[in-house]
N, C-alpha and C. Protein backbone atom coordinates (compact mmCIF):
# COMPACT_ATOMS: atom_id res chain seq x y z
N MET A 1 -0.53 1.20 31.65
CA MET A 1 -1.50 2.04 31.42
C MET A 1 -2.87 1.15 32.06
N HIS A 2 -3.89 1.53 32.85
CA HIS A 2 -4.89 1.28 33.68
C HIS A 2 -6.19 0.63 32.35
N LEU A 3 -7.31 -0.20 33.09
CA LEU A 3 -8.27 -0.51 32.00
C LEU A 3 -9.05 1.12 31.90
N CYS A 4 -9.25 1.36 32.47
CA CYS A 4 -9.86 3.13 32.88
C CYS A 4 -9.57 3.59 31.94
N LYS A 5 -8.03 4.22 31.26
CA LYS A 5 -7.95 4.32 30.20
C LYS A 5 -7.73 3.78 28.68
N LEU A 6 -8.25 2.80 28.92
CA LEU A 6 -8.88 1.64 27.93
C LEU A 6 -8.96 2.42 26.18
N ASP A 7 -10.19 3.28 26.46
CA ASP A 7 -11.72 4.03 26.22
C ASP A 7 -10.30 4.93 25.29
N GLN A 8 -9.28 5.69 26.12
CA GLN A 8 -8.55 6.87 25.51
C GLN A 8 -7.46 6.12 24.30
N ALA A 9 -7.04 4.99 24.11
CA ALA A 9 -5.95 4.88 23.55
C ALA A 9 -6.26 4.19 22.23
N MET A 10 -7.93 3.74 22.61
CA MET A 10 -8.24 2.88 20.99
C MET A 10 -9.96 2.95 20.86
N HIS A 11 -10.18 3.21 19.42
CA HIS A 11 -11.52 3.31 19.39
C HIS A 11 -12.19 2.19 19.66
N GLU A 12 -13.44 2.36 19.07
CA GLU A 12 -14.21 0.85 19.65
C GLU A 12 -13.92 -0.24 18.62
N ASP A 13 -13.86 -0.17 16.93
CA ASP A 13 -14.17 -0.85 16.10
C ASP A 13 -12.33 -1.19 16.20
N ALA A 14 -11.17 -0.31 16.96
CA ALA A 14 -9.65 -0.26 16.33
C ALA A 14 -9.35 -2.02 16.88
N LYS A 15 -7.96 -2.44 15.51
CA LYS A 15 -7.20 -3.48 16.07
C LYS A 15 -6.16 -3.02 16.55
N PHE A 16 -6.28 -2.53 17.23
CA PHE A 16 -4.72 -1.88 17.48
C PHE A 16 -4.48 -1.07 18.88
N LEU A 17 -4.58 -1.48 20.09
CA LEU A 17 -4.05 -0.67 21.29
C LEU A 17 -2.65 0.07 21.18
N ARG A 18 -2.78 1.44 21.30
CA ARG A 18 -1.64 2.52 21.48
C ARG A 18 -1.29 3.03 22.77
N THR A 19 -0.08 2.60 23.28
CA THR A 19 -0.26 2.80 24.78
C THR A 19 1.17 3.44 24.64
N PRO A 20 1.62 4.71 25.74
CA PRO A 20 3.05 5.05 25.80
C PRO A 20 3.33 4.33 25.93
N ASN A 21 5.23 4.56 25.46
CA ASN A 21 6.53 4.00 25.21
C ASN A 21 6.92 3.89 27.03
N ARG A 22 7.22 3.22 27.91
CA ARG A 22 7.80 3.03 29.20
C ARG A 22 9.14 3.60 29.61
N THR A 23 9.85 3.68 28.24
CA THR A 23 10.95 4.79 28.37
C THR A 23 11.52 5.69 27.62
N ASN A 24 10.46 6.05 26.91
CA ASN A 24 10.57 7.18 25.98
C ASN A 24 9.26 7.74 25.88
N SER A 25 8.92 8.72 26.39
CA SER A 25 7.25 10.12 26.08
C SER A 25 6.80 9.91 25.12
N GLU A 26 7.74 10.70 24.84
CA GLU A 26 7.14 11.17 23.50
C GLU A 26 6.89 9.69 21.93
N ILE A 27 7.76 8.46 22.15
CA ILE A 27 7.13 7.58 21.32
C ILE A 27 5.57 6.28 22.18
N THR A 28 4.56 6.26 21.08
CA THR A 28 3.91 5.24 21.18
C THR A 28 3.89 3.88 20.41
N ASP A 29 3.51 3.19 21.39
CA ASP A 29 3.57 1.63 21.12
C ASP A 29 2.62 1.13 20.84
N SER A 30 2.20 0.12 19.97
CA SER A 30 1.24 -0.08 18.75
C SER A 30 0.97 -1.81 19.30
N PHE A 31 0.04 -2.69 19.51
CA PHE A 31 -0.19 -4.09 19.96
C PHE A 31 -0.89 -4.61 19.18
N CYS A 32 -1.31 -5.46 18.69
CA CYS A 32 -2.47 -6.34 18.04
C CYS A 32 -2.78 -6.47 18.83
N VAL A 33 -4.78 -6.15 19.13
CA VAL A 33 -5.60 -7.07 19.82
C VAL A 33 -5.60 -8.19 20.01
N PHE A 34 -5.40 -8.80 18.75
CA PHE A 34 -6.32 -9.86 18.81
C PHE A 34 -5.11 -10.97 18.73
N CYS A 35 -3.85 -11.19 18.20
CA CYS A 35 -2.99 -11.67 18.20
C CYS A 35 -1.82 -11.59 19.71
N GLN A 36 -1.55 -10.56 20.57
CA GLN A 36 -1.19 -9.75 21.08
C GLN A 36 0.10 -9.73 21.21
N THR A 37 0.32 -8.78 19.68
CA THR A 37 2.11 -8.78 19.49
C THR A 37 1.67 -7.36 19.01
N PHE A 38 3.40 -7.21 19.75
CA PHE A 38 3.99 -6.00 19.28
C PHE A 38 4.11 -5.80 17.88
N VAL A 39 3.78 -4.21 17.43
CA VAL A 39 3.02 -4.30 16.58
C VAL A 39 4.57 -3.18 15.65
N GLY A 40 4.69 -2.11 16.69
CA GLY A 40 5.94 -1.40 16.05
C GLY A 40 5.82 0.32 16.92
N ALA A 41 6.16 0.86 16.86
CA ALA A 41 6.45 1.80 17.79
C ALA A 41 7.32 3.72 16.96
N SER A 42 6.24 4.35 17.16
CA SER A 42 6.80 5.44 17.00
C SER A 42 6.98 6.73 17.61
N PRO A 43 7.57 7.86 17.66
CA PRO A 43 7.29 9.40 17.91
C PRO A 43 5.49 9.70 16.66
N ARG A 44 5.71 9.11 15.33
CA ARG A 44 5.35 9.75 14.25
C ARG A 44 3.44 8.64 14.02
N PRO A 45 2.73 8.98 14.79
CA PRO A 45 2.02 8.38 14.35
C PRO A 45 1.21 8.17 13.01
N ALA A 46 1.62 8.99 11.97
CA ALA A 46 1.14 8.40 9.98
C ALA A 46 1.75 7.18 10.25
N VAL A 47 3.29 7.14 10.66
CA VAL A 47 4.76 6.08 10.96
C VAL A 47 3.74 4.58 11.29
N LEU A 48 3.50 4.73 12.42
CA LEU A 48 2.78 4.08 13.39
C LEU A 48 1.32 3.30 12.00
N GLN A 49 0.73 4.08 11.96
CA GLN A 49 -0.48 3.96 10.72
C GLN A 49 -0.12 3.18 9.90
N LEU A 50 1.60 3.15 9.16
CA LEU A 50 1.85 2.16 8.12
C LEU A 50 1.95 1.32 9.15
N MET A 51 2.98 1.50 9.93
CA MET A 51 2.93 -0.13 10.92
C MET A 51 1.91 -1.16 10.74
N GLU A 52 0.85 -0.32 11.36
CA GLU A 52 0.16 -1.19 11.42
C GLU A 52 -0.84 -1.89 10.33
N ASN A 53 -0.95 -0.87 9.58
CA ASN A 53 -1.65 -1.60 8.02
C ASN A 53 -1.01 -2.55 7.23
N ALA A 54 0.44 -2.60 7.99
CA ALA A 54 1.57 -3.38 6.75
C ALA A 54 1.96 -4.74 7.97
N HIS A 55 0.35 -4.92 9.01
CA HIS A 55 0.37 -6.13 9.53
C HIS A 55 -0.15 -7.26 9.44
N ALA A 56 0.14 -8.54 9.35
CA ALA A 56 -0.94 -9.66 9.21
C ALA A 56 -0.76 -9.94 10.23
N CYS A 57 -2.57 -9.57 10.96
CA CYS A 57 -2.40 -10.76 11.55
C CYS A 57 -3.24 -12.13 11.52
N GLU A 58 -2.75 -12.85 12.22
CA GLU A 58 -2.88 -14.56 11.90
C GLU A 58 -3.63 -14.96 12.75
N GLU A 59 -4.95 -14.11 13.50
CA GLU A 59 -5.78 -14.14 14.39
C GLU A 59 -6.82 -13.59 13.73
N LEU A 60 -8.07 -14.94 13.81
CA LEU A 60 -9.82 -14.36 13.23
C LEU A 60 -10.16 -14.28 14.88
N PRO A 61 -10.33 -12.27 13.99
CA PRO A 61 -10.70 -12.07 15.45
C PRO A 61 -12.42 -12.80 15.29
N GLN A 62 -12.18 -13.08 16.87
CA GLN A 62 -13.09 -14.40 17.65
C GLN A 62 -14.32 -12.78 18.84
N ILE A 63 -13.46 -12.34 19.20
CA ILE A 63 -14.43 -11.44 20.04
C ILE A 63 -13.92 -9.82 19.80
N GLU A 64 -14.74 -8.81 20.17
CA GLU A 64 -15.19 -7.67 19.99
C GLU A 64 -13.37 -7.05 20.56
N PRO A 65 -12.54 -6.04 19.32
CA PRO A 65 -11.98 -6.04 19.77
C PRO A 65 -11.89 -5.07 21.44
N LYS A 66 -12.41 -4.21 21.40
CA LYS A 66 -11.97 -4.28 22.91
C LYS A 66 -12.37 -4.99 24.01
N LEU A 67 -12.52 -6.03 24.09
CA LEU A 67 -12.35 -6.74 24.88
C LEU A 67 -10.92 -7.66 24.73
N ALA A 68 -10.49 -7.56 23.63
CA ALA A 68 -9.07 -8.67 23.36
C ALA A 68 -8.18 -7.70 23.95
N ALA A 69 -8.41 -6.18 24.27
CA ALA A 69 -7.30 -5.00 24.34
C ALA A 69 -7.63 -5.50 25.99
N GLU A 70 -8.33 -5.45 26.66
CA GLU A 70 -8.67 -5.89 28.20
C GLU A 70 -7.97 -7.06 28.59
N LYS A 71 -7.90 -8.31 26.94
CA LYS A 71 -7.19 -9.33 27.54
C LYS A 71 -5.77 -9.15 27.66
N LEU A 72 -4.88 -8.00 26.55
CA LEU A 72 -4.08 -7.85 26.07
C LEU A 72 -3.57 -7.25 27.40
N LEU A 73 -4.37 -5.98 28.06
CA LEU A 73 -3.97 -5.38 29.05
C LEU A 73 -3.39 -6.00 30.80
N ALA A 74 -4.40 -7.00 30.29
CA ALA A 74 -4.35 -7.94 31.15
C ALA A 74 -3.41 -8.84 32.09
N MET A 75 -3.02 -9.59 30.43
CA MET A 75 -1.28 -10.33 30.24
C MET A 75 -0.24 -9.21 30.62
N LYS A 76 -0.47 -7.87 30.41
CA LYS A 76 0.83 -7.20 30.30
C LYS A 76 1.40 -6.58 31.77
N LYS A 77 -0.07 -6.78 32.19
CA LYS A 77 0.05 -6.95 33.84
C LYS A 77 0.55 -8.25 34.60
N LYS A 78 -0.47 -8.66 34.43
CA LYS A 78 0.46 -9.86 34.77
C LYS A 78 1.83 -10.50 34.47
N ALA A 79 2.25 -9.75 33.34
CA ALA A 79 4.27 -9.78 33.15
C ALA A 79 4.95 -9.83 34.14
N LYS A 80 4.55 -7.87 34.14
CA LYS A 80 5.17 -7.16 34.52
C LYS A 80 5.07 -7.80 35.87
N ALA A 81 4.24 -8.26 37.25
CA ALA A 81 3.84 -8.12 38.15
C ALA A 81 4.88 -9.83 38.38
N SER A 82 4.69 -10.34 37.25
CA SER A 82 5.97 -11.81 37.67
C SER A 82 7.28 -11.26 37.38
N LYS A 83 7.71 -10.34 36.48
CA LYS A 83 8.79 -9.97 36.32
C LYS A 83 9.18 -8.97 37.93
N LYS A 84 8.51 -8.12 38.75
CA LYS A 84 8.63 -7.75 39.65
C LYS A 84 9.55 -8.95 40.45
N LYS A 85 8.43 -9.89 40.68
CA LYS A 85 8.67 -11.19 42.25
C LYS A 85 10.10 -12.12 41.25
N GLY A 86 10.22 -11.56 40.15
CA GLY A 86 11.95 -12.48 39.82
C GLY A 86 10.91 -13.37 39.30
N VAL A 87 9.70 -14.06 38.57
CA VAL A 87 9.62 -15.20 38.68
C VAL A 87 10.11 -15.23 37.11
């Protein structure tokens, strides 16, 4: 997911970033933007919403959700690049 698609993936006040699953395009993954934790995945938005509501984030929001999401995406991109290099 590119940062330019960030607005499509989350609302301004959202605590979760939803991205398409890499292996199954019918499934959406959800990540907490504050603790960078995988919350859940589902093809059904209502089920994903339940998982997000059940998430007990221990991180206090120190920064705006949108900035936290950008940080999470950058971390995922860096991890993907490291995996490709075999690090």
